[in-house]
Amino acid sequence: MHELGIVFHIVKTVEQVAKENQASRVGKVVLQIGEVSTIIPSYLEDCWNWKCSKSSLMDGCKLEIETIPAVTFCESCKETYGTVAYGKTCPYCGSGHTYLLQGNEHEIKEIEVS
């Protein structure tokens, strides 16, 4: 379960940003997760709730998850397409000379503090 490690890293980053901005409480964090990132949102949320309950700064903090669609680029025909629907094979030209442009990342989009 790599979600726990991800949560530890995110909480540490959020706490640091909150302290730098002299916030007394973090109310919400918006996290963007790539569609093919292998992060399971329900596991992430369980880990999030547990970790936040251990921090006075983060206790009760809501986690909002937004999905970043997976998009692949074809080097042969220079087209982009939805990765989940077609995988590594380009639906336009049938080439396998493709690579993922986006959809494997995770990033903090927004931190709401008081």
Protein backbone atom coordinates (compact mmCIF):
# COMPACT_ATOMS: atom_id res chain seq x y z
CA MET A 1 0.00 0.00 0.00
CA HIS A 2 2.03 2.95 -1.26
CA GLU A 3 -0.87 5.30 -0.50
CA LEU A 4 0.31 5.60 3.11
CA GLY A 5 3.73 6.85 2.01
CA ILE A 6 2.11 9.30 -0.38
CA VAL A 7 -0.14 10.61 2.39
CA PHE A 8 2.82 11.05 4.76
CA HIS A 9 4.66 13.08 2.11
CA ILE A 10 1.63 15.23 1.26
CA VAL A 11 0.74 15.92 4.91
CA LYS A 12 4.33 16.89 5.67
CA THR A 13 4.32 19.30 2.72
CA VAL A 14 0.93 20.78 3.64
CA GLU A 15 1.94 21.24 7.29
CA GLN A 16 5.13 23.01 6.20
CA VAL A 17 3.22 25.37 3.89
CA ALA A 18 0.62 26.06 6.60
CA LYS A 19 3.30 26.86 9.19
CA GLU A 20 5.19 29.11 6.76
CA ASN A 21 1.93 31.03 6.27
CA GLN A 22 1.14 31.09 10.01
CA ALA A 23 -2.10 29.15 9.59
CA SER A 24 -3.69 27.66 12.68
CA ARG A 25 -5.67 24.97 10.89
CA VAL A 26 -5.88 23.27 7.49
CA GLY A 27 -9.50 22.74 6.46
CA LYS A 28 -9.20 21.21 3.01
CA VAL A 29 -6.65 19.95 0.53
CA VAL A 30 -7.39 19.45 -3.16
CA LEU A 31 -5.21 16.74 -4.65
CA GLN A 32 -4.97 15.95 -8.35
CA ILE A 33 -4.31 12.29 -9.14
CA GLY A 34 -3.48 10.88 -12.56
CA GLU A 35 -5.93 8.40 -14.02
CA VAL A 36 -3.21 5.75 -14.43
CA SER A 37 -1.11 6.64 -11.36
CA THR A 38 -1.89 3.34 -9.55
CA ILE A 39 -3.11 5.34 -6.54
CA ILE A 40 -6.37 3.91 -5.20
CA PRO A 41 -8.49 6.87 -4.02
CA SER A 42 -10.38 4.94 -1.31
CA TYR A 43 -7.09 3.70 0.21
CA LEU A 44 -5.68 7.21 0.00
CA GLU A 45 -8.72 8.64 1.80
CA ASP A 46 -8.49 6.05 4.60
CA CYS A 47 -4.80 6.81 5.10
CA TRP A 48 -5.53 10.55 4.90
CA ASN A 49 -8.19 10.44 7.62
CA TRP A 50 -5.95 8.38 9.91
CA LYS A 51 -2.86 10.58 9.41
CA CYS A 52 -4.78 13.86 9.78
CA SER A 53 -6.32 12.68 13.05
CA LYS A 54 -2.77 12.53 14.47
CA SER A 55 -2.08 16.22 13.78
CA SER A 56 -3.66 19.18 15.58
CA LEU A 57 -3.05 21.31 12.48
CA MET A 58 -4.68 18.77 10.12
CA ASP A 59 -7.33 17.10 12.31
CA GLY A 60 -10.64 16.97 10.41
CA CYS A 61 -9.05 18.20 7.18
CA LYS A 62 -11.08 17.23 4.14
CA LEU A 63 -9.42 15.68 1.12
CA GLU A 64 -10.86 16.46 -2.30
CA ILE A 65 -9.56 14.39 -5.20
CA GLU A 66 -9.60 15.49 -8.83
CA THR A 67 -8.66 13.11 -11.62
CA ILE A 68 -6.10 14.09 -14.25
CA PRO A 69 -7.04 12.26 -17.46
CA ALA A 70 -4.38 10.01 -18.97
CA VAL A 71 -3.29 11.23 -22.40
CA THR A 72 -0.84 9.47 -24.73
CA PHE A 73 1.13 10.97 -27.64
CA CYS A 74 1.89 9.03 -30.82
CA GLU A 75 5.34 9.73 -32.24
CA SER A 76 4.34 8.34 -35.64
CA CYS A 77 1.30 10.48 -36.47
CA LYS A 78 1.72 13.21 -33.80
CA GLU A 79 -1.81 12.73 -32.44
CA THR A 80 -2.89 12.51 -28.79
CA TYR A 81 -5.55 10.17 -27.45
CA GLY A 82 -7.11 8.84 -24.24
CA THR A 83 -4.76 6.27 -22.75
CA VAL A 84 -7.34 4.26 -20.85
CA ALA A 85 -9.45 3.63 -23.94
CA TYR A 86 -6.60 2.62 -26.26
CA GLY A 87 -3.51 1.76 -24.21
CA LYS A 88 -0.18 1.96 -26.00
CA THR A 89 -1.57 1.45 -29.51
CA CYS A 90 -2.51 4.63 -31.36
CA PRO A 91 -6.15 4.52 -32.52
CA TYR A 92 -5.33 6.82 -35.47
CA CYS A 93 -2.44 4.99 -37.13
CA GLY A 94 -2.00 1.73 -35.18
CA SER A 95 1.56 2.58 -34.11
CA GLY A 96 3.03 1.43 -30.83
CA HIS A 97 5.57 4.30 -30.80
CA THR A 98 3.72 6.19 -28.10
CA TYR A 99 4.36 7.68 -24.70
CA LEU A 100 2.30 8.98 -21.80
CA LEU A 101 1.98 12.78 -21.68
CA GLN A 102 -0.06 13.04 -18.50
CA GLY A 103 -2.03 10.91 -16.09
CA ASN A 104 0.64 9.27 -13.96
CA GLU A 105 1.27 12.20 -11.62
CA HIS A 106 -0.14 13.44 -8.35
CA GLU A 107 0.07 17.00 -7.07
CA ILE A 108 -1.36 19.34 -4.50
CA LYS A 109 -3.64 21.81 -6.28
CA GLU A 110 -5.05 23.77 -3.36
CA ILE A 111 -4.70 24.15 0.41
CA GLU A 112 -7.47 25.83 2.39
CA VAL A 113 -6.34 27.23 5.76
CA SER A 114 -7.65 29.37 8.57
